[in-house]
Amino acid sequence: MAHIVAQPCFGCRYTDCVVVCPVECFYEGEQMLYIHPEECIDCEACVPECPVEAIFHEDNLPEEWAEFKQRNAEMAPKCPRITEKKEPLCGS
Protein backbone atom coordinates (compact mmCIF):
# COMPACT_ATOMS: atom_id res chain seq x y z
CA MET A 1 0.00 0.00 0.00
CA ALA A 2 1.07 3.58 -0.51
CA HIS A 3 0.01 7.15 -0.18
CA ILE A 4 -1.03 9.21 -3.19
CA VAL A 5 -0.64 12.93 -3.94
CA ALA A 6 -3.90 14.11 -5.51
CA GLN A 7 -5.50 17.11 -7.24
CA PRO A 8 -5.21 19.66 -4.37
CA CYS A 9 -1.42 19.68 -4.88
CA PHE A 10 -1.70 20.69 -8.54
CA GLY A 11 -0.49 24.24 -8.98
CA CYS A 12 0.48 24.61 -5.32
CA ARG A 13 3.29 22.08 -4.82
CA TYR A 14 3.88 22.72 -1.14
CA THR A 15 6.90 20.77 0.06
CA ASP A 16 6.27 20.59 3.81
CA CYS A 17 5.60 16.86 3.36
CA VAL A 18 8.96 15.98 1.82
CA VAL A 19 11.08 16.96 4.82
CA VAL A 20 9.31 14.51 7.14
CA CYS A 21 9.46 11.51 4.78
CA PRO A 22 11.86 8.94 6.28
CA VAL A 23 12.39 7.15 2.95
CA GLU A 24 12.55 10.16 0.60
CA CYS A 25 9.84 8.86 -1.74
CA PHE A 26 8.65 12.27 -3.03
CA TYR A 27 9.35 13.44 -6.56
CA GLU A 28 8.97 16.94 -7.99
CA GLY A 29 6.94 17.42 -11.14
CA GLU A 30 6.39 20.73 -12.93
CA GLN A 31 2.99 21.33 -11.34
CA MET A 32 2.81 18.97 -8.35
CA LEU A 33 4.60 16.40 -6.22
CA TYR A 34 4.36 12.64 -6.62
CA ILE A 35 4.91 9.74 -4.24
CA HIS A 36 6.69 6.68 -5.63
CA PRO A 37 4.37 3.79 -4.68
CA GLU A 38 7.16 1.23 -4.47
CA GLU A 39 9.19 3.39 -2.09
CA CYS A 40 6.43 4.61 0.25
CA ILE A 41 6.42 2.69 3.54
CA ASP A 42 2.96 3.92 4.50
CA CYS A 43 4.14 5.70 7.65
CA GLU A 44 1.66 8.61 7.22
CA ALA A 45 4.20 11.21 8.40
CA CYS A 46 3.47 13.34 5.33
CA VAL A 47 -0.32 13.44 5.66
CA PRO A 48 -0.66 16.01 8.48
CA GLU A 49 2.10 18.18 6.97
CA CYS A 50 0.25 18.91 3.73
CA PRO A 51 -1.42 22.33 4.07
CA VAL A 52 -3.89 21.61 1.23
CA GLU A 53 -4.76 18.05 2.33
CA ALA A 54 -3.62 16.52 -0.94
CA ILE A 55 -2.15 13.26 0.40
CA PHE A 56 -4.34 10.19 0.82
CA HIS A 57 -3.80 6.53 1.58
CA GLU A 58 -4.63 4.73 -1.66
CA ASP A 59 -7.58 2.99 0.04
CA ASN A 60 -9.03 6.39 1.03
CA LEU A 61 -8.41 8.26 -2.22
CA PRO A 62 -11.61 10.09 -3.19
CA GLU A 63 -13.19 8.55 -6.30
CA GLU A 64 -13.02 11.86 -8.19
CA TRP A 65 -9.21 11.71 -7.94
CA ALA A 66 -8.79 7.98 -8.66
CA GLU A 67 -6.59 8.67 -11.69
CA PHE A 68 -3.92 10.14 -9.39
CA LYS A 69 -2.97 6.65 -8.20
CA GLN A 70 -1.76 5.79 -11.71
CA ARG A 71 -0.38 9.29 -12.26
CA ASN A 72 1.85 9.04 -9.16
CA ALA A 73 3.09 5.60 -10.27
CA GLU A 74 3.86 6.83 -13.79
CA MET A 75 5.32 10.25 -12.99
CA ALA A 76 7.44 9.61 -9.88
CA PRO A 77 10.08 7.59 -11.77
CA LYS A 78 10.31 10.35 -14.41
CA CYS A 79 10.83 13.24 -11.98
CA PRO A 80 13.73 14.27 -9.73
CA ARG A 81 13.61 13.21 -6.08
CA ILE A 82 12.89 16.07 -3.68
CA THR A 83 14.04 16.04 -0.04
CA GLU A 84 14.19 19.70 0.94
CA LYS A 85 11.53 22.34 1.41
CA LYS A 86 11.10 24.83 -1.44
CA GLU A 87 8.80 27.76 -2.12
CA PRO A 88 5.40 26.54 -3.32
CA LEU A 89 4.17 27.38 -6.81
CA CYS A 90 1.17 29.26 -5.42
CA GLY A 91 3.41 31.75 -3.62
CA SER A 92 1.99 31.18 -0.12
PDB file of N, CA and C in Angstrom:
ATOM      1  N   MET A   1       0.840  -1.186   0.000  1.00  0.00           N
ATOM      2  CA  MET A   1       0.000   0.000   0.000  1.00  0.00           C
ATOM      3  C   MET A   1       0.886   1.250   0.000  1.00  0.00           C
ATOM      4  N   ALA A   2       0.304   2.327  -0.434  1.00  0.00           N
ATOM      5  CA  ALA A   2       1.072   3.578  -0.515  1.00  0.00           C
ATOM      6  C   ALA A   2       0.139   4.765  -0.356  1.00  0.00           C
ATOM      7  N   HIS A   3       0.751   5.897  -0.209  1.00  0.00           N
ATOM      8  CA  HIS A   3       0.011   7.152  -0.185  1.00  0.00           C
ATOM      9  C   HIS A   3       0.097   7.786  -1.567  1.00  0.00           C
ATOM     10  N   ILE A   4      -0.888   8.610  -1.872  1.00  0.00           N
ATOM     11  CA  ILE A   4      -1.026   9.213  -3.188  1.00  0.00           C
ATOM     12  C   ILE A   4      -1.141  10.727  -3.024  1.00  0.00           C
ATOM     13  N   VAL A   5      -0.455  11.477  -3.883  1.00  0.00           N
ATOM     14  CA  VAL A   5      -0.644  12.927  -3.939  1.00  0.00           C
ATOM     15  C   VAL A   5      -1.715  13.172  -4.999  1.00  0.00           C
ATOM     16  N   ALA A   6      -2.751  13.914  -4.623  1.00  0.00           N
ATOM     17  CA  ALA A   6      -3.900  14.106  -5.515  1.00  0.00           C
ATOM     18  C   ALA A   6      -4.064  15.552  -5.963  1.00  0.00           C
ATOM     19  N   GLN A   7      -5.175  15.836  -6.600  1.00  0.00           N
ATOM     20  CA  GLN A   7      -5.499  17.111  -7.240  1.00  0.00           C
ATOM     21  C   GLN A   7      -5.193  18.376  -6.414  1.00  0.00           C
ATOM     22  N   PRO A   8      -5.455  18.403  -5.100  1.00  0.00           N
ATOM     23  CA  PRO A   8      -5.207  19.662  -4.374  1.00  0.00           C
ATOM     24  C   PRO A   8      -3.760  20.161  -4.449  1.00  0.00           C
ATOM     25  N   CYS A   9      -2.823  19.281  -4.756  1.00  0.00           N
ATOM     26  CA  CYS A   9      -1.420  19.685  -4.875  1.00  0.00           C
ATOM     27  C   CYS A   9      -1.143  20.394  -6.198  1.00  0.00           C
ATOM     28  N   PHE A  10      -1.950  20.139  -7.210  1.00  0.00           N
ATOM     29  CA  PHE A  10      -1.704  20.692  -8.545  1.00  0.00           C
ATOM     30  C   PHE A  10      -1.712  22.217  -8.503  1.00  0.00           C
ATOM     31  N   GLY A  11      -0.620  22.798  -8.952  1.00  0.00           N
ATOM     32  CA  GLY A  11      -0.493  24.245  -8.984  1.00  0.00           C
ATOM     33  C   GLY A  11      -0.039  24.865  -7.674  1.00  0.00           C
ATOM     34  N   CYS A  12       0.010  24.112  -6.624  1.00  0.00           N
ATOM     35  CA  CYS A  12       0.482  24.614  -5.319  1.00  0.00           C
ATOM     36  C   CYS A  12       1.891  24.108  -5.056  1.00  0.00           C
ATOM     37  N   ARG A  13       2.016  22.782  -5.043  1.00  0.00           N
ATOM     38  CA  ARG A  13       3.285  22.084  -4.823  1.00  0.00           C
ATOM     39  C   ARG A  13       3.988  22.532  -3.541  1.00  0.00           C
ATOM     40  N   TYR A  14       3.242  22.505  -2.439  1.00  0.00           N
ATOM     41  CA  TYR A  14       3.883  22.719  -1.136  1.00  0.00           C
ATOM     42  C   TYR A  14       4.836  21.564  -0.886  1.00  0.00           C
ATOM     43  N   THR A  15       5.912  21.813  -0.176  1.00  0.00           N
ATOM     44  CA  THR A  15       6.905  20.765   0.065  1.00  0.00           C
ATOM     45  C   THR A  15       7.108  20.461   1.544  1.00  0.00           C
ATOM     46  N   ASP A  16       6.184  20.882   2.383  1.00  0.00           N
ATOM     47  CA  ASP A  16       6.275  20.589   3.815  1.00  0.00           C
ATOM     48  C   ASP A  16       6.356  19.075   4.058  1.00  0.00           C
ATOM     49  N   CYS A  17       5.682  18.313   3.222  1.00  0.00           N
ATOM     50  CA  CYS A  17       5.600  16.864   3.361  1.00  0.00           C
ATOM     51  C   CYS A  17       6.933  16.161   3.112  1.00  0.00           C
ATOM     52  N   VAL A  18       7.744  16.689   2.216  1.00  0.00           N
ATOM     53  CA  VAL A  18       8.960  15.976   1.823  1.00  0.00           C
ATOM     54  C   VAL A  18       9.999  15.920   2.938  1.00  0.00           C
ATOM     55  N   VAL A  19      10.041  16.919   3.780  1.00  0.00           N
ATOM     56  CA  VAL A  19      11.081  16.958   4.815  1.00  0.00           C
ATOM     57  C   VAL A  19      10.824  15.963   5.943  1.00  0.00           C
ATOM     58  N   VAL A  20       9.606  15.473   6.079  1.00  0.00           N
ATOM     59  CA  VAL A  20       9.306  14.505   7.143  1.00  0.00           C
ATOM     60  C   VAL A  20       9.321  13.066   6.645  1.00  0.00           C
ATOM     61  N   CYS A  21       9.485  12.860   5.352  1.00  0.00           N
ATOM     62  CA  CYS A  21       9.458  11.508   4.784  1.00  0.00           C
ATOM     63  C   CYS A  21      10.754  10.763   5.127  1.00  0.00           C
ATOM     64  N   PRO A  22      10.645   9.658   5.874  1.00  0.00           N
ATOM     65  CA  PRO A  22      11.855   8.937   6.279  1.00  0.00           C
ATOM     66  C   PRO A  22      12.522   8.150   5.153  1.00  0.00           C
ATOM     67  N   VAL A  23      11.825   7.929   4.045  1.00  0.00           N
ATOM     68  CA  VAL A  23      12.394   7.149   2.949  1.00  0.00           C
ATOM     69  C   VAL A  23      12.583   7.953   1.665  1.00  0.00           C
ATOM     70  N   GLU A  24      12.335   9.256   1.729  1.00  0.00           N
ATOM     71  CA  GLU A  24      12.553  10.157   0.596  1.00  0.00           C
ATOM     72  C   GLU A  24      11.886   9.641  -0.681  1.00  0.00           C
ATOM     73  N   CYS A  25      10.566   9.421  -0.596  1.00  0.00           N
ATOM     74  CA  CYS A  25       9.840   8.862  -1.743  1.00  0.00           C
ATOM     75  C   CYS A  25       9.043   9.902  -2.513  1.00  0.00           C
ATOM     76  N   PHE A  26       9.337  11.197  -2.302  1.00  0.00           N
ATOM     77  CA  PHE A  26       8.646  12.268  -3.025  1.00  0.00           C
ATOM     78  C   PHE A  26       9.460  12.693  -4.242  1.00  0.00           C
ATOM     79  N   TYR A  27       8.734  13.009  -5.308  1.00  0.00           N
ATOM     80  CA  TYR A  27       9.350  13.440  -6.555  1.00  0.00           C
ATOM     81  C   TYR A  27       8.667  14.710  -7.025  1.00  0.00           C
ATOM     82  N   GLU A  28       9.448  15.609  -7.624  1.00  0.00           N
ATOM     83  CA  GLU A  28       8.970  16.936  -7.993  1.00  0.00           C
ATOM     84  C   GLU A  28       8.663  17.033  -9.473  1.00  0.00           C
ATOM     85  N   GLY A  29       7.361  17.181  -9.773  1.00  0.00           N
ATOM     86  CA  GLY A  29       6.937  17.423 -11.138  1.00  0.00           C
ATOM     87  C   GLY A  29       6.833  18.921 -11.386  1.00  0.00           C
ATOM     88  N   GLU A  30       6.494  19.306 -12.594  1.00  0.00           N
ATOM     89  CA  GLU A  30       6.387  20.726 -12.927  1.00  0.00           C
ATOM     90  C   GLU A  30       5.263  21.412 -12.174  1.00  0.00           C
ATOM     91  N   GLN A  31       4.156  20.727 -11.964  1.00  0.00           N
ATOM     92  CA  GLN A  31       2.991  21.333 -11.339  1.00  0.00           C
ATOM     93  C   GLN A  31       2.613  20.760  -9.984  1.00  0.00           C
ATOM     94  N   MET A  32       3.169  19.598  -9.613  1.00  0.00           N
ATOM     95  CA  MET A  32       2.813  18.973  -8.345  1.00  0.00           C
ATOM     96  C   MET A  32       3.873  17.956  -7.927  1.00  0.00           C
ATOM     97  N   LEU A  33       3.717  17.446  -6.723  1.00  0.00           N
ATOM     98  CA  LEU A  33       4.598  16.400  -6.221  1.00  0.00           C
ATOM     99  C   LEU A  33       3.971  15.044  -6.484  1.00  0.00           C
ATOM    100  N   TYR A  34       4.817  14.014  -6.461  1.00  0.00           N
ATOM    101  CA  TYR A  34       4.355  12.638  -6.621  1.00  0.00           C
ATOM    102  C   TYR A  34       5.027  11.777  -5.562  1.00  0.00           C
ATOM    103  N   ILE A  35       4.342  10.726  -5.150  1.00  0.00           N
ATOM    104  CA  ILE A  35       4.907   9.735  -4.241  1.00  0.00           C
ATOM    105  C   ILE A  35       5.152   8.466  -5.043  1.00  0.00           C
ATOM    106  N   HIS A  36       6.362   7.928  -4.935  1.00  0.00           N
ATOM    107  CA  HIS A  36       6.685   6.676  -5.627  1.00  0.00           C
ATOM    108  C   HIS A  36       6.052   5.536  -4.832  1.00  0.00           C
ATOM    109  N   PRO A  37       5.099   4.807  -5.429  1.00  0.00           N
ATOM    110  CA  PRO A  37       4.368   3.791  -4.675  1.00  0.00           C
ATOM    111  C   PRO A  37       5.219   2.613  -4.207  1.00  0.00           C
ATOM    112  N   GLU A  38       6.307   2.335  -4.881  1.00  0.00           N
ATOM    113  CA  GLU A  38       7.164   1.227  -4.472  1.00  0.00           C
ATOM    114  C   GLU A  38       8.143   1.627  -3.373  1.00  0.00           C
ATOM    115  N   GLU A  39       8.280   2.912  -3.119  1.00  0.00           N
ATOM    116  CA  GLU A  39       9.195   3.393  -2.088  1.00  0.00           C
ATOM    117  C   GLU A  39       8.477   3.799  -0.809  1.00  0.00           C
ATOM    118  N   CYS A  40       7.216   4.165  -0.907  1.00  0.00           N
ATOM    119  CA  CYS A  40       6.432   4.609   0.253  1.00  0.00           C
ATOM    120  C   CYS A  40       6.271   3.456   1.244  1.00  0.00           C
ATOM    121  N   ILE A  41       6.564   3.728   2.506  1.00  0.00           N
ATOM    122  CA  ILE A  41       6.424   2.694   3.543  1.00  0.00           C
ATOM    123  C   ILE A  41       5.147   2.872   4.347  1.00  0.00           C
ATOM    124  N   ASP A  42       4.278   3.758   3.899  1.00  0.00           N
ATOM    125  CA  ASP A  42       2.957   3.924   4.498  1.00  0.00           C
ATOM    126  C   ASP A  42       3.021   4.384   5.956  1.00  0.00           C
ATOM    127  N   CYS A  43       3.966   5.251   6.258  1.00  0.00           N
ATOM    128  CA  CYS A  43       4.140   5.702   7.646  1.00  0.00           C
ATOM    129  C   CYS A  43       3.186   6.831   8.031  1.00  0.00           C
ATOM    130  N   GLU A  44       2.609   7.509   7.035  1.00  0.00           N
ATOM    131  CA  GLU A  44       1.662   8.606   7.217  1.00  0.00           C
ATOM    132  C   GLU A  44       2.264   9.893   7.780  1.00  0.00           C
ATOM    133  N   ALA A  45       3.565   9.998   7.877  1.00  0.00           N
ATOM    134  CA  ALA A  45       4.202  11.214   8.405  1.00  0.00           C
ATOM    135  C   ALA A  45       3.877  12.431   7.548  1.00  0.00           C
ATOM    136  N   CYS A  46       3.713  12.237   6.263  1.00  0.00           N
ATOM    137  CA  CYS A  46       3.473  13.340   5.334  1.00  0.00           C
ATOM    138  C   CYS A  46       2.049  13.890   5.403  1.00  0.00           C
ATOM    139  N   VAL A  47       1.098  13.054   5.745  1.00  0.00           N
ATOM    140  CA  VAL A  47      -0.320  13.438   5.665  1.00  0.00           C
ATOM    141  C   VAL A  47      -0.644  14.703   6.454  1.00  0.00           C
ATOM    142  N   PRO A  48      -0.303  14.794   7.744  1.00  0.00           N
ATOM    143  CA  PRO A  48      -0.664  16.008   8.480  1.00  0.00           C
ATOM    144  C   PRO A  48       0.152  17.239   8.095  1.00  0.00           C
ATOM    145  N   GLU A  49       1.255  17.053   7.366  1.00  0.00           N
ATOM    146  CA  GLU A  49       2.105  18.176   6.974  1.00  0.00           C
ATOM    147  C   GLU A  49       1.606  18.911   5.742  1.00  0.00           C
ATOM    148  N   CYS A  50       0.731  18.302   4.979  1.00  0.00           N
ATOM    149  CA  CYS A  50       0.252  18.906   3.733  1.00  0.00           C
ATOM    150  C   CYS A  50      -0.794  19.976   4.033  1.00  0.00           C
ATOM    151  N   PRO A  51      -0.492  21.252   3.742  1.00  0.00           N
ATOM    152  CA  PRO A  51      -1.423  22.326   4.068  1.00  0.00           C
ATOM    153  C   PRO A  51      -2.688  22.352   3.210  1.00  0.00           C
ATOM    154  N   VAL A  52      -2.695  21.643   2.086  1.00  0.00           N
ATOM    155  CA  VAL A  52      -3.887  21.612   1.232  1.00  0.00           C
ATOM    156  C   VAL A  52      -4.589  20.247   1.259  1.00  0.00           C
ATOM    157  N   GLU A  53      -4.163  19.385   2.163  1.00  0.00           N
ATOM    158  CA  GLU A  53      -4.761  18.052   2.334  1.00  0.00           C
ATOM    159  C   GLU A  53      -4.844  17.296   1.018  1.00  0.00           C
ATOM    160  N   ALA A  54      -3.694  17.179   0.363  1.00  0.00           N
ATOM    161  CA  ALA A  54      -3.621  16.525  -0.941  1.00  0.00           C
ATOM    162  C   ALA A  54      -3.124  15.090  -0.885  1.00  0.00           C
ATOM    163  N   ILE A  55      -2.745  14.592   0.295  1.00  0.00           N
ATOM    164  CA  ILE A  55      -2.155  13.261   0.400  1.00  0.00           C
ATOM    165  C   ILE A  55      -3.146  12.301   1.052  1.00  0.00           C
ATOM    166  N   PHE A  56      -3.371  11.179   0.360  1.00  0.00           N
ATOM    167  CA  PHE A  56      -4.336  10.188   0.819  1.00  0.00           C
ATOM    168  C   PHE A  56      -3.726   8.797   0.767  1.00  0.00           C
ATOM    169  N   HIS A  57      -4.129   7.935   1.705  1.00  0.00           N
ATOM    170  CA  HIS A  57      -3.798   6.526   1.577  1.00  0.00           C
ATOM    171  C   HIS A  57      -4.560   6.035   0.357  1.00  0.00           C
ATOM    172  N   GLU A  58      -3.976   5.151  -0.414  1.00  0.00           N
ATOM    173  CA  GLU A  58      -4.626   4.725  -1.659  1.00  0.00           C
ATOM    174  C   GLU A  58      -6.012   4.129  -1.425  1.00  0.00           C
ATOM    175  N   ASP A  59      -6.257   3.536  -0.271  1.00  0.00           N
ATOM    176  CA  ASP A  59      -7.579   2.989   0.037  1.00  0.00           C
ATOM    177  C   ASP A  59      -8.600   4.080   0.346  1.00  0.00           C
ATOM    178  N   ASN A  60      -8.138   5.280   0.672  1.00  0.00           N
ATOM    179  CA  ASN A  60      -9.028   6.387   1.030  1.00  0.00           C
ATOM    180  C   ASN A  60      -9.032   7.512  -0.009  1.00  0.00           C
ATOM    181  N   LEU A  61      -8.464   7.260  -1.158  1.00  0.00           N
ATOM    182  CA  LEU A  61      -8.407   8.258  -2.216  1.00  0.00           C
ATOM    183  C   LEU A  61      -9.823   8.528  -2.728  1.00  0.00           C
ATOM    184  N   PRO A  62     -10.269   9.785  -2.681  1.00  0.00           N
ATOM    185  CA  PRO A  62     -11.615  10.086  -3.191  1.00  0.00           C
ATOM    186  C   PRO A  62     -11.769   9.633  -4.646  1.00  0.00           C
ATOM    187  N   GLU A  63     -12.916   9.088  -4.957  1.00  0.00           N
ATOM    188  CA  GLU A  63     -13.187   8.553  -6.297  1.00  0.00           C
ATOM    189  C   GLU A  63     -12.908   9.570  -7.400  1.00  0.00           C
ATOM    190  N   GLU A  64     -13.226  10.840  -7.151  1.00  0.00           N
ATOM    191  CA  GLU A  64     -13.017  11.858  -8.189  1.00  0.00           C
ATOM    192  C   GLU A  64     -11.545  12.055  -8.538  1.00  0.00           C
ATOM    193  N   TRP A  65     -10.645  11.580  -7.682  1.00  0.00           N
ATOM    194  CA  TRP A  65      -9.205  11.710  -7.936  1.00  0.00           C
ATOM    195  C   TRP A  65      -8.539  10.352  -8.144  1.00  0.00           C
ATOM    196  N   ALA A  66      -9.305   9.347  -8.502  1.00  0.00           N
ATOM    197  CA  ALA A  66      -8.787   7.980  -8.658  1.00  0.00           C
ATOM    198  C   ALA A  66      -7.625   7.898  -9.647  1.00  0.00           C
ATOM    199  N   GLU A  67      -7.651   8.732 -10.680  1.00  0.00           N
ATOM    200  CA  GLU A  67      -6.590   8.668 -11.691  1.00  0.00           C
ATOM    201  C   GLU A  67      -5.221   9.064 -11.135  1.00  0.00           C
ATOM    202  N   PHE A  68      -5.190   9.720  -9.978  1.00  0.00           N
ATOM    203  CA  PHE A  68      -3.919  10.137  -9.394  1.00  0.00           C
ATOM    204  C   PHE A  68      -3.099   8.961  -8.874  1.00  0.00           C
ATOM    205  N   LYS A  69      -3.728   7.838  -8.606  1.00  0.00           N
ATOM    206  CA  LYS A  69      -2.970   6.647  -8.200  1.00  0.00           C
ATOM    207  C   LYS A  69      -2.032   6.243  -9.337  1.00  0.00           C
ATOM    208  N   GLN A  70      -2.571   6.144 -10.542  1.00  0.00           N
ATOM    209  CA  GLN A  70      -1.764   5.792 -11.708  1.00  0.00           C
ATOM    210  C   GLN A  70      -0.796   6.911 -12.063  1.00  0.00           C
ATOM    211  N   ARG A  71      -1.239   8.146 -11.931  1.00  0.00           N
ATOM    212  CA  ARG A  71      -0.381   9.291 -12.265  1.00  0.00           C
ATOM    213  C   ARG A  71       0.855   9.327 -11.372  1.00  0.00           C
ATOM    214  N   ASN A  72       0.698   9.075 -10.060  1.00  0.00           N
ATOM    215  CA  ASN A  72       1.854   9.037  -9.159  1.00  0.00           C
ATOM    216  C   ASN A  72       2.808   7.925  -9.571  1.00  0.00           C
ATOM    217  N   ALA A  73       2.263   6.745  -9.876  1.00  0.00           N
ATOM    218  CA  ALA A  73       3.089   5.602 -10.268  1.00  0.00           C
ATOM    219  C   ALA A  73       3.849   5.867 -11.567  1.00  0.00           C
ATOM    220  N   GLU A  74       3.222   6.555 -12.505  1.00  0.00           N
ATOM    221  CA  GLU A  74       3.863   6.834 -13.786  1.00  0.00           C
ATOM    222  C   GLU A  74       4.856   7.991 -13.717  1.00  0.00           C
ATOM    223  N   MET A  75       4.502   9.040 -12.986  1.00  0.00           N
ATOM    224  CA  MET A  75       5.318  10.247 -12.992  1.00  0.00           C
ATOM    225  C   MET A  75       6.496  10.226 -12.018  1.00  0.00           C
ATOM    226  N   ALA A  76       6.349   9.608 -10.866  1.00  0.00           N
ATOM    227  CA  ALA A  76       7.436   9.615  -9.882  1.00  0.00           C
ATOM    228  C   ALA A  76       8.766   9.139 -10.471  1.00  0.00           C
ATOM    229  N   PRO A  77       8.795   8.026 -11.213  1.00  0.00           N
ATOM    230  CA  PRO A  77      10.079   7.586 -11.775  1.00  0.00           C
ATOM    231  C   PRO A  77      10.670   8.529 -12.823  1.00  0.00           C
ATOM    232  N   LYS A  78       9.852   9.430 -13.363  1.00  0.00           N
ATOM    233  CA  LYS A  78      10.312  10.349 -14.413  1.00  0.00           C
ATOM    234  C   LYS A  78      10.779  11.697 -13.863  1.00  0.00           C
ATOM    235  N   CYS A  79      10.542  11.935 -12.588  1.00  0.00           N
ATOM    236  CA  CYS A  79      10.831  13.240 -11.984  1.00  0.00           C
ATOM    237  C   CYS A  79      11.994  13.152 -11.009  1.00  0.00           C
ATOM    238  N   PRO A  80      12.631  14.282 -10.710  1.00  0.00           N
ATOM    239  CA  PRO A  80      13.728  14.265  -9.730  1.00  0.00           C
ATOM    240  C   PRO A  80      13.188  14.115  -8.299  1.00  0.00           C
ATOM    241  N   ARG A  81      13.942  13.375  -7.504  1.00  0.00           N
ATOM    242  CA  ARG A  81      13.606  13.214  -6.080  1.00  0.00           C
ATOM    243  C   ARG A  81      13.721  14.573  -5.396  1.00  0.00           C
ATOM    244  N   ILE A  82      12.835  14.835  -4.453  1.00  0.00           N
ATOM    245  CA  ILE A  82      12.887  16.074  -3.684  1.00  0.00           C
ATOM    246  C   ILE A  82      12.932  15.722  -2.197  1.00  0.00           C
ATOM    247  N   THR A  83      13.877  16.335  -1.469  1.00  0.00           N
ATOM    248  CA  THR A  83      14.039  16.035  -0.040  1.00  0.00           C
ATOM    249  C   THR A  83      14.073  17.282   0.828  1.00  0.00           C
ATOM    250  N   GLU A  84      14.105  18.453   0.191  1.00  0.00           N
ATOM    251  CA  GLU A  84      14.189  19.704   0.937  1.00  0.00           C
ATOM    252  C   GLU A  84      13.011  20.603   0.617  1.00  0.00           C
ATOM    253  N   LYS A  85      12.654  21.422   1.592  1.00  0.00           N
ATOM    254  CA  LYS A  85      11.531  22.337   1.413  1.00  0.00           C
ATOM    255  C   LYS A  85      11.885  23.443   0.434  1.00  0.00           C
ATOM    256  N   LYS A  86      10.933  23.773  -0.447  1.00  0.00           N
ATOM    257  CA  LYS A  86      11.095  24.828  -1.439  1.00  0.00           C
ATOM    258  C   LYS A  86       9.870  25.726  -1.374  1.00  0.00           C
ATOM    259  N   GLU A  87       9.952  26.867  -2.035  1.00  0.00           N
ATOM    260  CA  GLU A  87       8.796  27.759  -2.123  1.00  0.00           C
ATOM    261  C   GLU A  87       7.710  27.070  -2.955  1.00  0.00           C
ATOM    262  N   PRO A  88       6.469  27.144  -2.528  1.00  0.00           N
ATOM    263  CA  PRO A  88       5.396  26.541  -3.323  1.00  0.00           C
ATOM    264  C   PRO A  88       5.128  27.341  -4.597  1.00  0.00           C
ATOM    265  N   LEU A  89       4.499  26.710  -5.544  1.00  0.00           N
ATOM    266  CA  LEU A  89       4.174  27.384  -6.807  1.00  0.00           C
ATOM    267  C   LEU A  89       3.157  28.497  -6.599  1.00  0.00           C
ATOM    268  N   CYS A  90       2.251  28.293  -5.623  1.00  0.00           N
ATOM    269  CA  CYS A  90       1.169  29.256  -5.419  1.00  0.00           C
ATOM    270  C   CYS A  90       1.615  30.491  -4.666  1.00  0.00           C
ATOM    271  N   GLY A  91       2.871  30.552  -4.236  1.00  0.00           N
ATOM    272  CA  GLY A  91       3.413  31.750  -3.616  1.00  0.00           C
ATOM    273  C   GLY A  91       3.037  31.979  -2.168  1.00  0.00           C
ATOM    274  N   SER A  92       2.384  31.018  -1.537  1.00  0.00           N
ATOM    275  CA  SER A  92       1.987  31.182  -0.123  1.00  0.00           C
ATOM    276  C   SER A  92       3.081  30.735   0.811  1.00  0.00           C
TER     277      SER A  92
END
